[in-house]
PDB file of N, CA and C in Angstrom:
ATOM      1  N   MET A   1       0.827  -1.186   0.000  1.00  0.00           N
ATOM      2  CA  MET A   1       0.000   0.000   0.000  1.00  0.00           C
ATOM      3  C   MET A   1       0.875   1.254   0.000  1.00  0.00           C
ATOM      4  N   ILE A   2       1.921   1.244   0.805  1.00  0.00           N
ATOM      5  CA  ILE A   2       2.805   2.408   0.878  1.00  0.00           C
ATOM      6  C   ILE A   2       3.491   2.635  -0.460  1.00  0.00           C
ATOM      7  N   ARG A   3       3.892   1.552  -1.097  1.00  0.00           N
ATOM      8  CA  ARG A   3       4.531   1.684  -2.415  1.00  0.00           C
ATOM      9  C   ARG A   3       3.563   2.256  -3.438  1.00  0.00           C
ATOM     10  N   HIS A   4       2.306   1.855  -3.327  1.00  0.00           N
ATOM     11  CA  HIS A   4       1.285   2.370  -4.240  1.00  0.00           C
ATOM     12  C   HIS A   4       1.110   3.876  -4.045  1.00  0.00           C
ATOM     13  N   ILE A   5       1.064   4.307  -2.801  1.00  0.00           N
ATOM     14  CA  ILE A   5       0.936   5.736  -2.499  1.00  0.00           C
ATOM     15  C   ILE A   5       2.150   6.489  -3.023  1.00  0.00           C
ATOM     16  N   ARG A   6       3.321   5.954  -2.785  1.00  0.00           N
ATOM     17  CA  ARG A   6       4.557   6.586  -3.260  1.00  0.00           C
ATOM     18  C   ARG A   6       4.540   6.725  -4.783  1.00  0.00           C
ATOM     19  N   ALA A   7       4.090   5.677  -5.465  1.00  0.00           N
ATOM     20  CA  ALA A   7       4.021   5.721  -6.930  1.00  0.00           C
ATOM     21  C   ALA A   7       3.045   6.794  -7.394  1.00  0.00           C
ATOM     22  N   LEU A   8       1.907   6.899  -6.727  1.00  0.00           N
ATOM     23  CA  LEU A   8       0.940   7.933  -7.102  1.00  0.00           C
ATOM     24  C   LEU A   8       1.536   9.326  -6.932  1.00  0.00           C
ATOM     25  N   LEU A   9       2.241   9.540  -5.833  1.00  0.00           N
ATOM     26  CA  LEU A   9       2.773  10.867  -5.538  1.00  0.00           C
ATOM     27  C   LEU A   9       3.980  11.214  -6.398  1.00  0.00           C
ATOM     28  N   TYR A  10       4.942  10.332  -6.459  1.00  0.00           N
ATOM     29  CA  TYR A  10       6.220  10.671  -7.088  1.00  0.00           C
ATOM     30  C   TYR A  10       6.316  10.278  -8.556  1.00  0.00           C
ATOM     31  N   GLU A  11       5.760   9.134  -8.911  1.00  0.00           N
ATOM     32  CA  GLU A  11       5.888   8.679 -10.294  1.00  0.00           C
ATOM     33  C   GLU A  11       4.776   9.221 -11.186  1.00  0.00           C
ATOM     34  N   GLN A  12       3.570   9.312 -10.647  1.00  0.00           N
ATOM     35  CA  GLN A  12       2.438   9.743 -11.458  1.00  0.00           C
ATOM     36  C   GLN A  12       2.079  11.205 -11.235  1.00  0.00           C
ATOM     37  N   GLY A  13       2.708  11.840 -10.261  1.00  0.00           N
ATOM     38  CA  GLY A  13       2.535  13.271 -10.051  1.00  0.00           C
ATOM     39  C   GLY A  13       1.251  13.702  -9.365  1.00  0.00           C
ATOM     40  N   PHE A  14       0.602  12.799  -8.671  1.00  0.00           N
ATOM     41  CA  PHE A  14      -0.614  13.166  -7.952  1.00  0.00           C
ATOM     42  C   PHE A  14      -0.275  14.058  -6.763  1.00  0.00           C
ATOM     43  N   THR A  15      -1.209  14.919  -6.412  1.00  0.00           N
ATOM     44  CA  THR A  15      -1.089  15.649  -5.153  1.00  0.00           C
ATOM     45  C   THR A  15      -1.549  14.704  -4.044  1.00  0.00           C
ATOM     46  N   ILE A  16      -1.338  15.092  -2.808  1.00  0.00           N
ATOM     47  CA  ILE A  16      -1.793  14.249  -1.694  1.00  0.00           C
ATOM     48  C   ILE A  16      -3.307  14.082  -1.752  1.00  0.00           C
ATOM     49  N   GLY A  17      -4.007  15.169  -2.005  1.00  0.00           N
ATOM     50  CA  GLY A  17      -5.468  15.102  -2.118  1.00  0.00           C
ATOM     51  C   GLY A  17      -5.915  14.218  -3.272  1.00  0.00           C
ATOM     52  N   GLY A  18      -5.233  14.348  -4.404  1.00  0.00           N
ATOM     53  CA  GLY A  18      -5.574  13.533  -5.566  1.00  0.00           C
ATOM     54  C   GLY A  18      -5.315  12.058  -5.325  1.00  0.00           C
ATOM     55  N   ALA A  19      -4.200  11.760  -4.670  1.00  0.00           N
ATOM     56  CA  ALA A  19      -3.886  10.368  -4.340  1.00  0.00           C
ATOM     57  C   ALA A  19      -4.929   9.804  -3.381  1.00  0.00           C
ATOM     58  N   ARG A  20      -5.346  10.620  -2.440  1.00  0.00           N
ATOM     59  CA  ARG A  20      -6.371  10.182  -1.480  1.00  0.00           C
ATOM     60  C   ARG A  20      -7.676   9.854  -2.207  1.00  0.00           C
ATOM     61  N   LEU A  21      -8.072  10.724  -3.138  1.00  0.00           N
ATOM     62  CA  LEU A  21      -9.291  10.467  -3.902  1.00  0.00           C
ATOM     63  C   LEU A  21      -9.159   9.207  -4.751  1.00  0.00           C
ATOM     64  N   ARG A  22      -8.020   9.049  -5.352  1.00  0.00           N
ATOM     65  CA  ARG A  22      -7.781   7.871  -6.199  1.00  0.00           C
ATOM     66  C   ARG A  22      -7.876   6.596  -5.369  1.00  0.00           C
ATOM     67  N   LEU A  23      -7.287   6.612  -4.190  1.00  0.00           N
ATOM     68  CA  LEU A  23      -7.292   5.427  -3.334  1.00  0.00           C
ATOM     69  C   LEU A  23      -8.670   5.135  -2.754  1.00  0.00           C
ATOM     70  N   SER A  24      -9.486   6.149  -2.593  1.00  0.00           N
ATOM     71  CA  SER A  24     -10.810   5.930  -2.017  1.00  0.00           C
ATOM     72  C   SER A  24     -11.830   5.544  -3.076  1.00  0.00           C
ATOM     73  N   GLY A  25     -11.431   5.544  -4.325  1.00  0.00           N
ATOM     74  CA  GLY A  25     -12.335   5.209  -5.425  1.00  0.00           C
ATOM     75  C   GLY A  25     -12.371   3.727  -5.722  1.00  0.00           C
ATOM     76  N   ASP A  26     -12.451   3.420  -6.991  1.00  0.00           N
ATOM     77  CA  ASP A  26     -12.607   2.041  -7.448  1.00  0.00           C
ATOM     78  C   ASP A  26     -11.448   1.147  -7.038  1.00  0.00           C
ATOM     79  N   GLU A  27     -10.237   1.663  -7.065  1.00  0.00           N
ATOM     80  CA  GLU A  27      -9.082   0.841  -6.709  1.00  0.00           C
ATOM     81  C   GLU A  27      -9.183   0.354  -5.272  1.00  0.00           C
ATOM     82  N   ALA A  28      -9.637   1.224  -4.391  1.00  0.00           N
ATOM     83  CA  ALA A  28      -9.769   0.825  -2.986  1.00  0.00           C
ATOM     84  C   ALA A  28     -10.814  -0.276  -2.851  1.00  0.00           C
ATOM     85  N   ARG A  29     -11.901  -0.166  -3.604  1.00  0.00           N
ATOM     86  CA  ARG A  29     -12.936  -1.201  -3.540  1.00  0.00           C
ATOM     87  C   ARG A  29     -12.408  -2.528  -4.075  1.00  0.00           C
ATOM     88  N   GLU A  30     -11.663  -2.454  -5.161  1.00  0.00           N
ATOM     89  CA  GLU A  30     -11.092  -3.670  -5.741  1.00  0.00           C
ATOM     90  C   GLU A  30     -10.115  -4.330  -4.772  1.00  0.00           C
ATOM     91  N   GLU A  31      -9.303  -3.509  -4.125  1.00  0.00           N
ATOM     92  CA  GLU A  31      -8.338  -4.034  -3.161  1.00  0.00           C
ATOM     93  C   GLU A  31      -9.057  -4.680  -1.983  1.00  0.00           C
ATOM     94  N   THR A  32     -10.132  -4.044  -1.523  1.00  0.00           N
ATOM     95  CA  THR A  32     -10.916  -4.594  -0.421  1.00  0.00           C
ATOM     96  C   THR A  32     -11.500  -5.943  -0.809  1.00  0.00           C
ATOM     97  N   THR A  33     -11.989  -6.056  -2.025  1.00  0.00           N
ATOM     98  CA  THR A  33     -12.542  -7.321  -2.504  1.00  0.00           C
ATOM     99  C   THR A  33     -11.476  -8.402  -2.517  1.00  0.00           C
ATOM    100  N   GLN A  34     -10.278  -8.066  -2.948  1.00  0.00           N
ATOM    101  CA  GLN A  34      -9.187  -9.034  -2.971  1.00  0.00           C
ATOM    102  C   GLN A  34      -8.834  -9.488  -1.560  1.00  0.00           C
ATOM    103  N   TYR A  35      -8.804  -8.549  -0.614  1.00  0.00           N
ATOM    104  CA  TYR A  35      -8.501  -8.910   0.772  1.00  0.00           C
ATOM    105  C   TYR A  35      -9.584  -9.809   1.347  1.00  0.00           C
ATOM    106  N   ARG A  36     -10.833  -9.508   1.036  1.00  0.00           N
ATOM    107  CA  ARG A  36     -11.926 -10.345   1.536  1.00  0.00           C
ATOM    108  C   ARG A  36     -11.826 -11.763   0.992  1.00  0.00           C
ATOM    109  N   GLN A  37     -11.474 -11.894  -0.290  1.00  0.00           N
ATOM    110  CA  GLN A  37     -11.282 -13.223  -0.874  1.00  0.00           C
ATOM    111  C   GLN A  37     -10.162 -13.969  -0.165  1.00  0.00           C
ATOM    112  N   LEU A  38      -9.078 -13.286   0.082  1.00  0.00           N
ATOM    113  CA  LEU A  38      -7.942 -13.900   0.766  1.00  0.00           C
ATOM    114  C   LEU A  38      -8.331 -14.346   2.172  1.00  0.00           C
ATOM    115  N   ILE A  39      -9.095 -13.527   2.857  1.00  0.00           N
ATOM    116  CA  ILE A  39      -9.543 -13.870   4.210  1.00  0.00           C
ATOM    117  C   ILE A  39     -10.448 -15.093   4.177  1.00  0.00           C
ATOM    118  N   ARG A  40     -11.392 -15.131   3.223  1.00  0.00           N
ATOM    119  CA  ARG A  40     -12.279 -16.293   3.108  1.00  0.00           C
ATOM    120  C   ARG A  40     -11.484 -17.569   2.837  1.00  0.00           C
ATOM    121  N   GLN A  41     -10.512 -17.468   1.950  1.00  0.00           N
ATOM    122  CA  GLN A  41      -9.681 -18.628   1.617  1.00  0.00           C
ATOM    123  C   GLN A  41      -8.887 -19.089   2.836  1.00  0.00           C
ATOM    124  N   THR A  42      -8.338 -18.146   3.582  1.00  0.00           N
ATOM    125  CA  THR A  42      -7.570 -18.479   4.779  1.00  0.00           C
ATOM    126  C   THR A  42      -8.453 -19.148   5.821  1.00  0.00           C
ATOM    127  N   ILE A  43      -9.662 -18.646   5.995  1.00  0.00           N
ATOM    128  CA  ILE A  43     -10.598 -19.243   6.951  1.00  0.00           C
ATOM    129  C   ILE A  43     -10.924 -20.674   6.541  1.00  0.00           C
ATOM    130  N   ALA A  44     -11.178 -20.885   5.252  1.00  0.00           N
ATOM    131  CA  ALA A  44     -11.487 -22.236   4.770  1.00  0.00           C
ATOM    132  C   ALA A  44     -10.323 -23.184   5.029  1.00  0.00           C
ATOM    133  N   GLU A  45      -9.115 -22.731   4.771  1.00  0.00           N
ATOM    134  CA  GLU A  45      -7.941 -23.570   5.009  1.00  0.00           C
ATOM    135  C   GLU A  45      -7.766 -23.873   6.493  1.00  0.00           C
ATOM    136  N   LEU A  46      -7.999 -22.887   7.335  1.00  0.00           N
ATOM    137  CA  LEU A  46      -7.888 -23.107   8.780  1.00  0.00           C
ATOM    138  C   LEU A  46      -8.953 -24.083   9.273  1.00  0.00           C
ATOM    139  N   GLU A  47     -10.157 -23.999   8.709  1.00  0.00           N
ATOM    140  CA  GLU A  47     -11.203 -24.945   9.085  1.00  0.00           C
ATOM    141  C   GLU A  47     -10.822 -26.360   8.671  1.00  0.00           C
ATOM    142  N   ASP A  48     -10.188 -26.511   7.506  1.00  0.00           N
ATOM    143  CA  ASP A  48      -9.709 -27.826   7.073  1.00  0.00           C
ATOM    144  C   ASP A  48      -8.656 -28.364   8.038  1.00  0.00           C
ATOM    145  N   VAL A  49      -7.744 -27.517   8.448  1.00  0.00           N
ATOM    146  CA  VAL A  49      -6.703 -27.921   9.399  1.00  0.00           C
ATOM    147  C   VAL A  49      -7.342 -28.334  10.721  1.00  0.00           C
ATOM    148  N   LEU A  50      -8.326 -27.584  11.168  1.00  0.00           N
ATOM    149  CA  LEU A  50      -9.014 -27.901  12.413  1.00  0.00           C
ATOM    150  C   LEU A  50      -9.693 -29.264  12.333  1.00  0.00           C
ATOM    151  N   GLN A  51     -10.316 -29.567  11.206  1.00  0.00           N
ATOM    152  CA  GLN A  51     -10.957 -30.877  11.036  1.00  0.00           C
ATOM    153  C   GLN A  51      -9.932 -32.003  11.102  1.00  0.00           C
ATOM    154  N   VAL A  52      -8.780 -31.803  10.494  1.00  0.00           N
ATOM    155  CA  VAL A  52      -7.722 -32.821  10.528  1.00  0.00           C
ATOM    156  C   VAL A  52      -7.230 -33.014  11.958  1.00  0.00           C
ATOM    157  N   LEU A  53      -7.077 -31.934  12.690  1.00  0.00           N
ATOM    158  CA  LEU A  53      -6.581 -32.020  14.063  1.00  0.00           C
ATOM    159  C   LEU A  53      -7.585 -32.691  14.994  1.00  0.00           C
ATOM    160  N   ARG A  54      -8.856 -32.557  14.709  1.00  0.00           N
ATOM    161  CA  ARG A  54      -9.886 -33.160  15.558  1.00  0.00           C
ATOM    162  C   ARG A  54      -9.972 -34.676  15.381  1.00  0.00           C
ATOM    163  N   LYS A  55      -9.435 -35.198  14.291  1.00  0.00           N
ATOM    164  CA  LYS A  55      -9.522 -36.650  14.019  1.00  0.00           C
ATOM    165  C   LYS A  55      -8.592 -37.436  14.892  1.00  0.00           C
TER     166      LYS A  55
END
């Protein structure tokens, strides 16, 4: 995330306000969706491990 902010500010020339708007838009929603998928997958894997341990 920090690298993304740095790229917006220094490489793409966004102002701090512009970078904030960019991050709060569609990209932020997409990133949130990816994190939610990762969390669901991790939970499923942990539940599988728990089932194995209970046997």
